PDB file of N, CA and C in Angstrom:
ATOM      1  N   GLN A   1      36.520  11.643 -21.440  1.00  0.00           N
ATOM      2  CA  GLN A   1      35.575  10.562 -21.229  1.00  0.00           C
ATOM      3  C   GLN A   1      34.720  10.830 -20.005  1.00  0.00           C
ATOM      4  N   VAL A   2      33.516  10.263 -20.025  1.00  0.00           N
ATOM      5  CA  VAL A   2      32.568  10.392 -18.931  1.00  0.00           C
ATOM      6  C   VAL A   2      32.204   8.999 -18.451  1.00  0.00           C
ATOM      7  N   GLN A   3      32.203   8.821 -17.144  1.00  0.00           N
ATOM      8  CA  GLN A   3      31.774   7.568 -16.538  1.00  0.00           C
ATOM      9  C   GLN A   3      30.466   7.800 -15.785  1.00  0.00           C
ATOM     10  N   LEU A   4      29.566   6.817 -15.847  1.00  0.00           N
ATOM     11  CA  LEU A   4      28.248   6.932 -15.245  1.00  0.00           C
ATOM     12  C   LEU A   4      27.970   5.715 -14.377  1.00  0.00           C
ATOM     13  N   VAL A   5      27.390   5.941 -13.203  1.00  0.00           N
ATOM     14  CA  VAL A   5      27.028   4.865 -12.296  1.00  0.00           C
ATOM     15  C   VAL A   5      25.604   5.076 -11.818  1.00  0.00           C
ATOM     16  N   GLU A   6      24.746   4.082 -12.052  1.00  0.00           N
ATOM     17  CA  GLU A   6      23.348   4.143 -11.638  1.00  0.00           C
ATOM     18  C   GLU A   6      23.144   3.456 -10.299  1.00  0.00           C
ATOM     19  N   SER A   7      22.072   3.833  -9.619  1.00  0.00           N
ATOM     20  CA  SER A   7      21.663   3.171  -8.395  1.00  0.00           C
ATOM     21  C   SER A   7      20.165   3.393  -8.195  1.00  0.00           C
ATOM     22  N   GLY A   8      19.569   2.603  -7.314  1.00  0.00           N
ATOM     23  CA  GLY A   8      18.179   2.800  -6.936  1.00  0.00           C
ATOM     24  C   GLY A   8      17.203   1.779  -7.468  1.00  0.00           C
ATOM     25  N   GLY A   9      17.652   0.869  -8.308  1.00  0.00           N
ATOM     26  CA  GLY A   9      16.760  -0.146  -8.826  1.00  0.00           C
ATOM     27  C   GLY A   9      16.378  -1.150  -7.756  1.00  0.00           C
ATOM     28  N   GLY A  10      15.378  -1.965  -8.075  1.00  0.00           N
ATOM     29  CA  GLY A  10      14.931  -2.974  -7.135  1.00  0.00           C
ATOM     30  C   GLY A  10      13.602  -3.553  -7.525  1.00  0.00           C
ATOM     31  N   LEU A  11      13.006  -4.283  -6.595  1.00  0.00           N
ATOM     32  CA  LEU A  11      11.712  -4.924  -6.779  1.00  0.00           C
ATOM     33  C   LEU A  11      10.635  -4.085  -6.111  1.00  0.00           C
ATOM     34  N   VAL A  12       9.563  -3.815  -6.844  1.00  0.00           N
ATOM     35  CA  VAL A  12       8.467  -3.017  -6.317  1.00  0.00           C
ATOM     36  C   VAL A  12       7.150  -3.576  -6.829  1.00  0.00           C
ATOM     37  N   GLN A  13       6.095  -3.438  -6.039  1.00  0.00           N
ATOM     38  CA  GLN A  13       4.774  -3.898  -6.445  1.00  0.00           C
ATOM     39  C   GLN A  13       4.140  -2.924  -7.426  1.00  0.00           C
ATOM     40  N   PRO A  14       3.228  -3.407  -8.274  1.00  0.00           N
ATOM     41  CA  PRO A  14       2.508  -2.492  -9.153  1.00  0.00           C
ATOM     42  C   PRO A  14       1.864  -1.359  -8.366  1.00  0.00           C
ATOM     43  N   GLY A  15       1.964  -0.154  -8.903  1.00  0.00           N
ATOM     44  CA  GLY A  15       1.465   1.024  -8.224  1.00  0.00           C
ATOM     45  C   GLY A  15       2.470   1.695  -7.319  1.00  0.00           C
ATOM     46  N   GLY A  16       3.595   1.050  -7.088  1.00  0.00           N
ATOM     47  CA  GLY A  16       4.612   1.597  -6.222  1.00  0.00           C
ATOM     48  C   GLY A  16       5.511   2.597  -6.925  1.00  0.00           C
ATOM     49  N   SER A  17       6.517   3.053  -6.196  1.00  0.00           N
ATOM     50  CA  SER A  17       7.427   4.074  -6.698  1.00  0.00           C
ATOM     51  C   SER A  17       8.875   3.686  -6.454  1.00  0.00           C
ATOM     52  N   LEU A  18       9.739   4.161  -7.324  1.00  0.00           N
ATOM     53  CA  LEU A  18      11.176   4.042  -7.167  1.00  0.00           C
ATOM     54  C   LEU A  18      11.825   5.322  -7.666  1.00  0.00           C
ATOM     55  N   ARG A  19      12.990   5.624  -7.124  1.00  0.00           N
ATOM     56  CA  ARG A  19      13.768   6.768  -7.568  1.00  0.00           C
ATOM     57  C   ARG A  19      15.159   6.286  -7.958  1.00  0.00           C
ATOM     58  N   LEU A  20      15.497   6.460  -9.217  1.00  0.00           N
ATOM     59  CA  LEU A  20      16.806   6.090  -9.718  1.00  0.00           C
ATOM     60  C   LEU A  20      17.733   7.292  -9.696  1.00  0.00           C
ATOM     61  N   SER A  21      19.003   7.030  -9.423  1.00  0.00           N
ATOM     62  CA  SER A  21      20.013   8.078  -9.407  1.00  0.00           C
ATOM     63  C   SER A  21      21.173   7.674 -10.292  1.00  0.00           C
ATOM     64  N   CYS A  22      21.839   8.659 -10.852  1.00  0.00           N
ATOM     65  CA  CYS A  22      23.011   8.421 -11.679  1.00  0.00           C
ATOM     66  C   CYS A  22      23.981   9.565 -11.476  1.00  0.00           C
ATOM     67  N   VAL A  23      25.238   9.230 -11.225  1.00  0.00           N
ATOM     68  CA  VAL A  23      26.271  10.238 -11.055  1.00  0.00           C
ATOM     69  C   VAL A  23      27.299  10.099 -12.165  1.00  0.00           C
ATOM     70  N   ALA A  24      27.701  11.219 -12.720  1.00  0.00           N
ATOM     71  CA  ALA A  24      28.708  11.257 -13.769  1.00  0.00           C
ATOM     72  C   ALA A  24      30.038  11.723 -13.201  1.00  0.00           C
ATOM     73  N   SER A  25      31.102  11.176 -13.727  1.00  0.00           N
ATOM     74  CA  SER A  25      32.440  11.588 -13.338  1.00  0.00           C
ATOM     75  C   SER A  25      33.324  11.636 -14.579  1.00  0.00           C
ATOM     76  N   GLY A  26      34.515  12.171 -14.413  1.00  0.00           N
ATOM     77  CA  GLY A  26      35.412  12.334 -15.538  1.00  0.00           C
ATOM     78  C   GLY A  26      35.273  13.724 -16.130  1.00  0.00           C
ATOM     79  N   SER A  27      35.162  13.802 -17.444  1.00  0.00           N
ATOM     80  CA  SER A  27      35.075  15.080 -18.147  1.00  0.00           C
ATOM     81  C   SER A  27      33.642  15.592 -18.169  1.00  0.00           C
ATOM     82  N   THR A  28      33.104  15.887 -16.992  1.00  0.00           N
ATOM     83  CA  THR A  28      31.690  16.254 -16.891  1.00  0.00           C
ATOM     84  C   THR A  28      31.372  17.596 -17.532  1.00  0.00           C
ATOM     85  N   ASP A  29      32.366  18.422 -17.770  1.00  0.00           N
ATOM     86  CA  ASP A  29      32.121  19.720 -18.399  1.00  0.00           C
ATOM     87  C   ASP A  29      31.594  19.593 -19.817  1.00  0.00           C
ATOM     88  N   ILE A  30      31.815  18.467 -20.458  1.00  0.00           N
ATOM     89  CA  ILE A  30      31.364  18.293 -21.832  1.00  0.00           C
ATOM     90  C   ILE A  30      29.906  17.859 -21.914  1.00  0.00           C
ATOM     91  N   ILE A  31      29.286  17.525 -20.786  1.00  0.00           N
ATOM     92  CA  ILE A  31      27.926  16.999 -20.803  1.00  0.00           C
ATOM     93  C   ILE A  31      26.933  18.086 -21.202  1.00  0.00           C
ATOM     94  N   ALA A  32      26.112  17.774 -22.191  1.00  0.00           N
ATOM     95  CA  ALA A  32      25.070  18.683 -22.650  1.00  0.00           C
ATOM     96  C   ALA A  32      23.665  18.175 -22.331  1.00  0.00           C
ATOM     97  N   GLY A  33      23.547  16.915 -21.965  1.00  0.00           N
ATOM     98  CA  GLY A  33      22.267  16.342 -21.610  1.00  0.00           C
ATOM     99  C   GLY A  33      22.466  15.030 -20.883  1.00  0.00           C
ATOM    100  N   MET A  34      21.501  14.665 -20.064  1.00  0.00           N
ATOM    101  CA  MET A  34      21.531  13.404 -19.348  1.00  0.00           C
ATOM    102  C   MET A  34      20.121  12.851 -19.277  1.00  0.00           C
ATOM    103  N   GLY A  35      20.027  11.534 -19.096  1.00  0.00           N
ATOM    104  CA  GLY A  35      18.722  10.930 -18.986  1.00  0.00           C
ATOM    105  C   GLY A  35      18.808   9.428 -18.849  1.00  0.00           C
ATOM    106  N   TRP A  36      17.721   8.762 -19.272  1.00  0.00           N
ATOM    107  CA  TRP A  36      17.559   7.343 -19.029  1.00  0.00           C
ATOM    108  C   TRP A  36      16.976   6.625 -20.224  1.00  0.00           C
ATOM    109  N   TYR A  37      17.547   5.481 -20.537  1.00  0.00           N
ATOM    110  CA  TYR A  37      16.975   4.499 -21.437  1.00  0.00           C
ATOM    111  C   TYR A  37      16.622   3.267 -20.625  1.00  0.00           C
ATOM    112  N   ARG A  38      15.832   2.389 -21.214  1.00  0.00           N
ATOM    113  CA  ARG A  38      15.555   1.113 -20.584  1.00  0.00           C
ATOM    114  C   ARG A  38      15.468   0.023 -21.641  1.00  0.00           C
ATOM    115  N   GLN A  39      15.713  -1.199 -21.214  1.00  0.00           N
ATOM    116  CA  GLN A  39      15.622  -2.345 -22.097  1.00  0.00           C
ATOM    117  C   GLN A  39      14.946  -3.488 -21.351  1.00  0.00           C
ATOM    118  N   ALA A  40      13.768  -3.865 -21.812  1.00  0.00           N
ATOM    119  CA  ALA A  40      13.031  -4.974 -21.243  1.00  0.00           C
ATOM    120  C   ALA A  40      13.489  -6.274 -21.881  1.00  0.00           C
ATOM    121  N   PRO A  41      13.275  -7.400 -21.205  1.00  0.00           N
ATOM    122  CA  PRO A  41      13.676  -8.688 -21.780  1.00  0.00           C
ATOM    123  C   PRO A  41      13.068  -8.902 -23.157  1.00  0.00           C
ATOM    124  N   GLY A  42      13.908  -9.233 -24.121  1.00  0.00           N
ATOM    125  CA  GLY A  42      13.457  -9.487 -25.475  1.00  0.00           C
ATOM    126  C   GLY A  42      13.069  -8.256 -26.267  1.00  0.00           C
ATOM    127  N   LYS A  43      13.287  -7.068 -25.720  1.00  0.00           N
ATOM    128  CA  LYS A  43      12.911  -5.830 -26.378  1.00  0.00           C
ATOM    129  C   LYS A  43      14.138  -4.979 -26.674  1.00  0.00           C
ATOM    130  N   GLN A  44      13.967  -4.013 -27.579  1.00  0.00           N
ATOM    131  CA  GLN A  44      15.035  -3.078 -27.885  1.00  0.00           C
ATOM    132  C   GLN A  44      15.126  -1.994 -26.816  1.00  0.00           C
ATOM    133  N   ARG A  45      16.293  -1.404 -26.702  1.00  0.00           N
ATOM    134  CA  ARG A  45      16.470  -0.295 -25.784  1.00  0.00           C
ATOM    135  C   ARG A  45      15.652   0.906 -26.257  1.00  0.00           C
ATOM    136  N   GLU A  46      14.953   1.569 -25.329  1.00  0.00           N
ATOM    137  CA  GLU A  46      14.123   2.709 -25.671  1.00  0.00           C
ATOM    138  C   GLU A  46      14.391   3.877 -24.733  1.00  0.00           C
ATOM    139  N   LEU A  47      14.223   5.082 -25.258  1.00  0.00           N
ATOM    140  CA  LEU A  47      14.381   6.277 -24.452  1.00  0.00           C
ATOM    141  C   LEU A  47      13.216   6.409 -23.483  1.00  0.00           C
ATOM    142  N   VAL A  48      13.528   6.620 -22.217  1.00  0.00           N
ATOM    143  CA  VAL A  48      12.513   6.827 -21.190  1.00  0.00           C
ATOM    144  C   VAL A  48      12.329   8.315 -20.925  1.00  0.00           C
ATOM    145  N   ALA A  49      13.413   9.003 -20.618  1.00  0.00           N
ATOM    146  CA  ALA A  49      13.363  10.424 -20.305  1.00  0.00           C
ATOM    147  C   ALA A  49      14.744  11.022 -20.433  1.00  0.00           C
ATOM    148  N   GLY A  50      14.795  12.276 -20.833  1.00  0.00           N
ATOM    149  CA  GLY A  50      16.054  12.973 -20.940  1.00  0.00           C
ATOM    150  C   GLY A  50      15.885  14.454 -20.688  1.00  0.00           C
ATOM    151  N   MET A  51      16.971  15.097 -20.277  1.00  0.00           N
ATOM    152  CA  MET A  51      16.955  16.534 -20.020  1.00  0.00           C
ATOM    153  C   MET A  51      18.254  17.145 -20.514  1.00  0.00           C
ATOM    154  N   ALA A  52      18.136  18.130 -21.401  1.00  0.00           N
ATOM    155  CA  ALA A  52      19.281  18.888 -21.868  1.00  0.00           C
ATOM    156  C   ALA A  52      19.681  19.915 -20.817  1.00  0.00           C
ATOM    157  N   ASN A  53      20.894  20.440 -20.953  1.00  0.00           N
ATOM    158  CA  ASN A  53      21.377  21.414 -19.975  1.00  0.00           C
ATOM    159  C   ASN A  53      20.466  22.628 -19.872  1.00  0.00           C
ATOM    160  N   GLY A  54      19.835  23.018 -20.972  1.00  0.00           N
ATOM    161  CA  GLY A  54      18.941  24.164 -20.967  1.00  0.00           C
ATOM    162  C   GLY A  54      17.593  23.907 -20.337  1.00  0.00           C
ATOM    163  N   GLY A  55      17.305  22.665 -19.950  1.00  0.00           N
ATOM    164  CA  GLY A  55      16.068  22.341 -19.276  1.00  0.00           C
ATOM    165  C   GLY A  55      15.037  21.623 -20.122  1.00  0.00           C
ATOM    166  N   HIS A  56      15.262  21.507 -21.414  1.00  0.00           N
ATOM    167  CA  HIS A  56      14.318  20.803 -22.267  1.00  0.00           C
ATOM    168  C   HIS A  56      14.259  19.338 -21.874  1.00  0.00           C
ATOM    169  N   THR A  57      13.055  18.803 -21.726  1.00  0.00           N
ATOM    170  CA  THR A  57      12.860  17.415 -21.338  1.00  0.00           C
ATOM    171  C   THR A  57      12.113  16.651 -22.409  1.00  0.00           C
ATOM    172  N   THR A  58      12.386  15.374 -22.461  1.00  0.00           N
ATOM    173  CA  THR A  58      11.724  14.459 -23.373  1.00  0.00           C
ATOM    174  C   THR A  58      11.312  13.223 -22.595  1.00  0.00           C
ATOM    175  N   TYR A  59      10.089  12.744 -22.830  1.00  0.00           N
ATOM    176  CA  TYR A  59       9.590  11.547 -22.187  1.00  0.00           C
ATOM    177  C   TYR A  59       8.974  10.616 -23.212  1.00  0.00           C
ATOM    178  N   ALA A  60       9.110   9.329 -22.963  1.00  0.00           N
ATOM    179  CA  ALA A  60       8.337   8.361 -23.720  1.00  0.00           C
ATOM    180  C   ALA A  60       6.861   8.545 -23.387  1.00  0.00           C
ATOM    181  N   ASP A  61       5.996   8.362 -24.385  1.00  0.00           N
ATOM    182  CA  ASP A  61       4.567   8.539 -24.155  1.00  0.00           C
ATOM    183  C   ASP A  61       4.049   7.635 -23.038  1.00  0.00           C
ATOM    184  N   SER A  62       4.623   6.458 -22.917  1.00  0.00           N
ATOM    185  CA  SER A  62       4.148   5.486 -21.949  1.00  0.00           C
ATOM    186  C   SER A  62       4.457   5.864 -20.500  1.00  0.00           C
ATOM    187  N   VAL A  63       5.347   6.832 -20.287  1.00  0.00           N
ATOM    188  CA  VAL A  63       5.751   7.182 -18.926  1.00  0.00           C
ATOM    189  C   VAL A  63       5.528   8.646 -18.597  1.00  0.00           C
ATOM    190  N   LYS A  64       5.098   9.455 -19.546  1.00  0.00           N
ATOM    191  CA  LYS A  64       5.081  10.912 -19.386  1.00  0.00           C
ATOM    192  C   LYS A  64       4.284  11.367 -18.165  1.00  0.00           C
ATOM    193  N   ASP A  65       3.187  10.722 -17.859  1.00  0.00           N
ATOM    194  CA  ASP A  65       2.333  11.118 -16.749  1.00  0.00           C
ATOM    195  C   ASP A  65       2.728  10.473 -15.429  1.00  0.00           C
ATOM    196  N   ARG A  66       3.743   9.627 -15.449  1.00  0.00           N
ATOM    197  CA  ARG A  66       4.108   8.867 -14.261  1.00  0.00           C
ATOM    198  C   ARG A  66       5.543   9.075 -13.811  1.00  0.00           C
ATOM    199  N   PHE A  67       6.438   9.365 -14.750  1.00  0.00           N
ATOM    200  CA  PHE A  67       7.853   9.506 -14.442  1.00  0.00           C
ATOM    201  C   PHE A  67       8.265  10.968 -14.538  1.00  0.00           C
ATOM    202  N   SER A  68       9.311  11.323 -13.807  1.00  0.00           N
ATOM    203  CA  SER A  68       9.850  12.670 -13.853  1.00  0.00           C
ATOM    204  C   SER A  68      11.372  12.621 -13.794  1.00  0.00           C
ATOM    205  N   VAL A  69      12.006  13.299 -14.729  1.00  0.00           N
ATOM    206  CA  VAL A  69      13.461  13.361 -14.756  1.00  0.00           C
ATOM    207  C   VAL A  69      13.912  14.706 -14.197  1.00  0.00           C
ATOM    208  N   SER A  70      14.979  14.693 -13.439  1.00  0.00           N
ATOM    209  CA  SER A  70      15.531  15.917 -12.890  1.00  0.00           C
ATOM    210  C   SER A  70      17.049  15.802 -12.857  1.00  0.00           C
ATOM    211  N   ARG A  71      17.706  16.949 -12.769  1.00  0.00           N
ATOM    212  CA  ARG A  71      19.166  16.975 -12.755  1.00  0.00           C
ATOM    213  C   ARG A  71      19.684  17.920 -11.702  1.00  0.00           C
ATOM    214  N   ASP A  72      20.851  17.588 -11.205  1.00  0.00           N
ATOM    215  CA  ASP A  72      21.613  18.455 -10.325  1.00  0.00           C
ATOM    216  C   ASP A  72      22.949  18.671 -11.012  1.00  0.00           C
ATOM    217  N   ASN A  73      23.059  19.761 -11.751  1.00  0.00           N
ATOM    218  CA  ASN A  73      24.251  19.984 -12.561  1.00  0.00           C
ATOM    219  C   ASN A  73      25.506  20.163 -11.708  1.00  0.00           C
ATOM    220  N   ALA A  74      25.357  20.773 -10.542  1.00  0.00           N
ATOM    221  CA  ALA A  74      26.508  20.989  -9.674  1.00  0.00           C
ATOM    222  C   ALA A  74      27.118  19.674  -9.218  1.00  0.00           C
ATOM    223  N   LYS A  75      26.274  18.652  -9.075  1.00  0.00           N
ATOM    224  CA  LYS A  75      26.742  17.338  -8.644  1.00  0.00           C
ATOM    225  C   LYS A  75      26.881  16.358  -9.797  1.00  0.00           C
ATOM    226  N   SER A  76      26.619  16.816 -11.010  1.00  0.00           N
ATOM    227  CA  SER A  76      26.673  15.967 -12.201  1.00  0.00           C
ATOM    228  C   SER A  76      25.805  14.729 -12.034  1.00  0.00           C
ATOM    229  N   MET A  77      24.582  14.940 -11.561  1.00  0.00           N
ATOM    230  CA  MET A  77      23.672  13.834 -11.323  1.00  0.00           C
ATOM    231  C   MET A  77      22.361  14.013 -12.089  1.00  0.00           C
ATOM    232  N   VAL A  78      21.744  12.891 -12.401  1.00  0.00           N
ATOM    233  CA  VAL A  78      20.420  12.867 -12.987  1.00  0.00           C
ATOM    234  C   VAL A  78      19.591  11.844 -12.227  1.00  0.00           C
ATOM    235  N   TYR A  79      18.301  12.138 -12.077  1.00  0.00           N
ATOM    236  CA  TYR A  79      17.399  11.288 -11.324  1.00  0.00           C
ATOM    237  C   TYR A  79      16.199  10.922 -12.185  1.00  0.00           C
ATOM    238  N   LEU A  80      15.592   9.811 -11.851  1.00  0.00           N
ATOM    239  CA  LEU A  80      14.341   9.418 -12.474  1.00  0.00           C
ATOM    240  C   LEU A  80      13.384   8.985 -11.377  1.00  0.00           C
ATOM    241  N   GLN A  81      12.373   9.804 -11.116  1.00  0.00           N
ATOM    242  CA  GLN A  81      11.329   9.460 -10.170  1.00  0.00           C
ATOM    243  C   GLN A  81      10.241   8.699 -10.916  1.00  0.00           C
ATOM    244  N   MET A  82       9.993   7.477 -10.503  1.00  0.00           N
ATOM    245  CA  MET A  82       9.034   6.610 -11.164  1.00  0.00           C
ATOM    246  C   MET A  82       7.883   6.330 -10.211  1.00  0.00           C
ATOM    247  N   ASN A  83       6.689   6.749 -10.592  1.00  0.00           N
ATOM    248  CA  ASN A  83       5.485   6.542  -9.803  1.00  0.00           C
ATOM    249  C   ASN A  83       4.489   5.688 -10.574  1.00  0.00           C
ATOM    250  N   SER A  84       3.532   5.137  -9.847  1.00  0.00           N
ATOM    251  CA  SER A  84       2.482   4.316 -10.456  1.00  0.00           C
ATOM    252  C   SER A  84       3.074   3.263 -11.375  1.00  0.00           C
ATOM    253  N   LEU A  85       4.056   2.560 -10.882  1.00  0.00           N
ATOM    254  CA  LEU A  85       4.775   1.596 -11.702  1.00  0.00           C
ATOM    255  C   LEU A  85       3.883   0.446 -12.132  1.00  0.00           C
ATOM    256  N   LYS A  86       4.126  -0.012 -13.350  1.00  0.00           N
ATOM    257  CA  LYS A  86       3.383  -1.102 -13.954  1.00  0.00           C
ATOM    258  C   LYS A  86       4.329  -2.255 -14.268  1.00  0.00           C
ATOM    259  N   PRO A  87       3.809  -3.477 -14.363  1.00  0.00           N
ATOM    260  CA  PRO A  87       4.678  -4.603 -14.725  1.00  0.00           C
ATOM    261  C   PRO A  87       5.441  -4.371 -16.027  1.00  0.00           C
ATOM    262  N   GLU A  88       4.841  -3.664 -16.978  1.00  0.00           N
ATOM    263  CA  GLU A  88       5.515  -3.406 -18.238  1.00  0.00           C
ATOM    264  C   GLU A  88       6.675  -2.427 -18.115  1.00  0.00           C
ATOM    265  N   ASP A  89       6.838  -1.807 -16.946  1.00  0.00           N
ATOM    266  CA  ASP A  89       8.005  -0.971 -16.697  1.00  0.00           C
ATOM    267  C   ASP A  89       9.232  -1.792 -16.328  1.00  0.00           C
ATOM    268  N   THR A  90       9.052  -3.082 -16.117  1.00  0.00           N
ATOM    269  CA  THR A  90      10.168  -3.946 -15.767  1.00  0.00           C
ATOM    270  C   THR A  90      11.215  -3.924 -16.869  1.00  0.00           C
ATOM    271  N   ALA A  91      12.442  -3.588 -16.505  1.00  0.00           N
ATOM    272  CA  ALA A  91      13.520  -3.464 -17.476  1.00  0.00           C
ATOM    273  C   ALA A  91      14.810  -3.153 -16.742  1.00  0.00           C
ATOM    274  N   VAL A  92      15.899  -3.223 -17.479  1.00  0.00           N
ATOM    275  CA  VAL A  92      17.148  -2.657 -17.010  1.00  0.00           C
ATOM    276  C   VAL A  92      17.179  -1.206 -17.450  1.00  0.00           C
ATOM    277  N   TYR A  93      17.395  -0.311 -16.516  1.00  0.00           N
ATOM    278  CA  TYR A  93      17.413   1.112 -16.792  1.00  0.00           C
ATOM    279  C   TYR A  93      18.855   1.596 -16.869  1.00  0.00           C
ATOM    280  N   TYR A  94      19.175   2.284 -17.967  1.00  0.00           N
ATOM    281  CA  TYR A  94      20.524   2.752 -18.234  1.00  0.00           C
ATOM    282  C   TYR A  94      20.577   4.272 -18.210  1.00  0.00           C
ATOM    283  N   CYS A  95      21.483   4.802 -17.447  1.00  0.00           N
ATOM    284  CA  CYS A  95      21.749   6.225 -17.463  1.00  0.00           C
ATOM    285  C   CYS A  95      22.598   6.573 -18.679  1.00  0.00           C
ATOM    286  N   TYR A  96      22.333   7.744 -19.275  1.00  0.00           N
ATOM    287  CA  TYR A  96      23.176   8.200 -20.371  1.00  0.00           C
ATOM    288  C   TYR A  96      23.533   9.660 -20.196  1.00  0.00           C
ATOM    289  N   ALA A  97      24.619  10.042 -20.819  1.00  0.00           N
ATOM    290  CA  ALA A  97      25.017  11.432 -20.934  1.00  0.00           C
ATOM    291  C   ALA A  97      25.465  11.671 -22.362  1.00  0.00           C
ATOM    292  N   VAL A  98      25.158  12.852 -22.877  1.00  0.00           N
ATOM    293  CA  VAL A  98      25.553  13.205 -24.226  1.00  0.00           C
ATOM    294  C   VAL A  98      26.319  14.513 -24.197  1.00  0.00           C
ATOM    295  N   GLY A  99      27.250  14.646 -25.117  1.00  0.00           N
ATOM    296  CA  GLY A  99      28.003  15.875 -25.297  1.00  0.00           C
ATOM    297  C   GLY A  99      27.680  16.508 -26.631  1.00  0.00           C
ATOM    298  N   GLY A 100      28.181  17.721 -26.820  1.00  0.00           N
ATOM    299  CA  GLY A 100      27.953  18.442 -28.058  1.00  0.00           C
ATOM    300  C   GLY A 100      26.941  19.559 -27.885  1.00  0.00           C
ATOM    301  N   THR A 101      27.069  20.583 -28.708  1.00  0.00           N
ATOM    302  CA  THR A 101      26.153  21.718 -28.684  1.00  0.00           C
ATOM    303  C   THR A 101      25.599  21.958 -30.072  1.00  0.00           C
ATOM    304  N   GLY A 102      24.433  22.581 -30.125  1.00  0.00           N
ATOM    305  CA  GLY A 102      23.802  22.902 -31.390  1.00  0.00           C
ATOM    306  C   GLY A 102      23.599  21.670 -32.253  1.00  0.00           C
ATOM    307  N   ILE A 103      24.034  21.770 -33.493  1.00  0.00           N
ATOM    308  CA  ILE A 103      23.869  20.671 -34.419  1.00  0.00           C
ATOM    309  C   ILE A 103      24.653  19.438 -33.990  1.00  0.00           C
ATOM    310  N   ARG A 104      25.636  19.648 -33.132  1.00  0.00           N
ATOM    311  CA  ARG A 104      26.449  18.531 -32.666  1.00  0.00           C
ATOM    312  C   ARG A 104      25.923  17.901 -31.375  1.00  0.00           C
ATOM    313  N   TYR A 105      24.767  18.318 -30.888  1.00  0.00           N
ATOM    314  CA  TYR A 105      24.194  17.735 -29.685  1.00  0.00           C
ATOM    315  C   TYR A 105      24.015  16.231 -29.868  1.00  0.00           C
ATOM    316  N   GLY A 106      24.501  15.467 -28.904  1.00  0.00           N
ATOM    317  CA  GLY A 106      24.423  14.026 -28.982  1.00  0.00           C
ATOM    318  C   GLY A 106      25.541  13.371 -29.758  1.00  0.00           C
ATOM    319  N   GLU A 107      26.504  14.150 -30.198  1.00  0.00           N
ATOM    320  CA  GLU A 107      27.610  13.618 -30.989  1.00  0.00           C
ATOM    321  C   GLU A 107      28.404  12.583 -30.208  1.00  0.00           C
ATOM    322  N   GLU A 108      28.516  12.781 -28.905  1.00  0.00           N
ATOM    323  CA  GLU A 108      29.175  11.832 -28.029  1.00  0.00           C
ATOM    324  C   GLU A 108      28.162  11.283 -27.036  1.00  0.00           C
ATOM    325  N   GLU A 109      28.167   9.985 -26.851  1.00  0.00           N
ATOM    326  CA  GLU A 109      27.260   9.322 -25.919  1.00  0.00           C
ATOM    327  C   GLU A 109      28.033   8.468 -24.928  1.00  0.00           C
ATOM    328  N   TYR A 110      27.567   8.472 -23.698  1.00  0.00           N
ATOM    329  CA  TYR A 110      28.159   7.678 -22.630  1.00  0.00           C
ATOM    330  C   TYR A 110      27.042   6.963 -21.883  1.00  0.00           C
ATOM    331  N   TRP A 111      27.340   5.757 -21.416  1.00  0.00           N
ATOM    332  CA  TRP A 111      26.328   4.894 -20.811  1.00  0.00           C
ATOM    333  C   TRP A 111      26.797   4.301 -19.504  1.00  0.00           C
ATOM    334  N   GLY A 112      25.853   4.136 -18.576  1.00  0.00           N
ATOM    335  CA  GLY A 112      26.122   3.406 -17.364  1.00  0.00           C
ATOM    336  C   GLY A 112      25.944   1.920 -17.570  1.00  0.00           C
ATOM    337  N   GLN A 113      26.165   1.153 -16.522  1.00  0.00           N
ATOM    338  CA  GLN A 113      26.060  -0.300 -16.592  1.00  0.00           C
ATOM    339  C   GLN A 113      24.633  -0.804 -16.472  1.00  0.00           C
ATOM    340  N   GLY A 114      23.729   0.018 -15.981  1.00  0.00           N
ATOM    341  CA  GLY A 114      22.335  -0.352 -15.855  1.00  0.00           C
ATOM    342  C   GLY A 114      21.969  -0.778 -14.452  1.00  0.00           C
ATOM    343  N   THR A 115      20.707  -0.576 -14.101  1.00  0.00           N
ATOM    344  CA  THR A 115      20.165  -1.022 -12.829  1.00  0.00           C
ATOM    345  C   THR A 115      18.805  -1.669 -13.079  1.00  0.00           C
ATOM    346  N   GLN A 116      18.574  -2.819 -12.467  1.00  0.00           N
ATOM    347  CA  GLN A 116      17.366  -3.595 -12.717  1.00  0.00           C
ATOM    348  C   GLN A 116      16.184  -3.032 -11.942  1.00  0.00           C
ATOM    349  N   VAL A 117      15.079  -2.834 -12.642  1.00  0.00           N
ATOM    350  CA  VAL A 117      13.805  -2.471 -12.033  1.00  0.00           C
ATOM    351  C   VAL A 117      12.809  -3.574 -12.358  1.00  0.00           C
ATOM    352  N   THR A 118      12.245  -4.183 -11.331  1.00  0.00           N
ATOM    353  CA  THR A 118      11.263  -5.240 -11.505  1.00  0.00           C
ATOM    354  C   THR A 118       9.975  -4.838 -10.805  1.00  0.00           C
ATOM    355  N   VAL A 119       8.878  -4.822 -11.557  1.00  0.00           N
ATOM    356  CA  VAL A 119       7.566  -4.467 -11.027  1.00  0.00           C
ATOM    357  C   VAL A 119       6.709  -5.722 -11.075  1.00  0.00           C
ATOM    358  N   SER A 120       6.413  -6.265  -9.915  1.00  0.00           N
ATOM    359  CA  SER A 120       5.690  -7.525  -9.842  1.00  0.00           C
ATOM    360  C   SER A 120       5.029  -7.665  -8.482  1.00  0.00           C
ATOM    361  N   SER A 121       3.883  -8.340  -8.471  1.00  0.00           N
ATOM    362  CA  SER A 121       3.200  -8.643  -7.230  1.00  0.00           C
ATOM    363  C   SER A 121       3.545 -10.036  -6.727  1.00  0.00           C
TER     364      SER A 121
END
């Protein structure tokens, strides 16, 4: 099993920046990818950004030019640098980790408890 803990959320004005962090513990050797989802009030959870162990990254179109995901594999951590924040970025942000290789990538999923990001003036 893998446990995930997020930090770094908070209140920021439009145009501001935040950096989210997530640390994994437990059976971290099984992790094949890490990243972030978010869920806004009344909305479904959506993928924000993710990075596989090989370096492949995925971003939601709405954040691709503003957010950046990075990982520190030695520390089992993933980060989300969020710039030029907009009110529509307001959501609970959840860290995730996935296990599996090849066709089995994503076969196992693990989630953090979430951290609130509020963008408002």
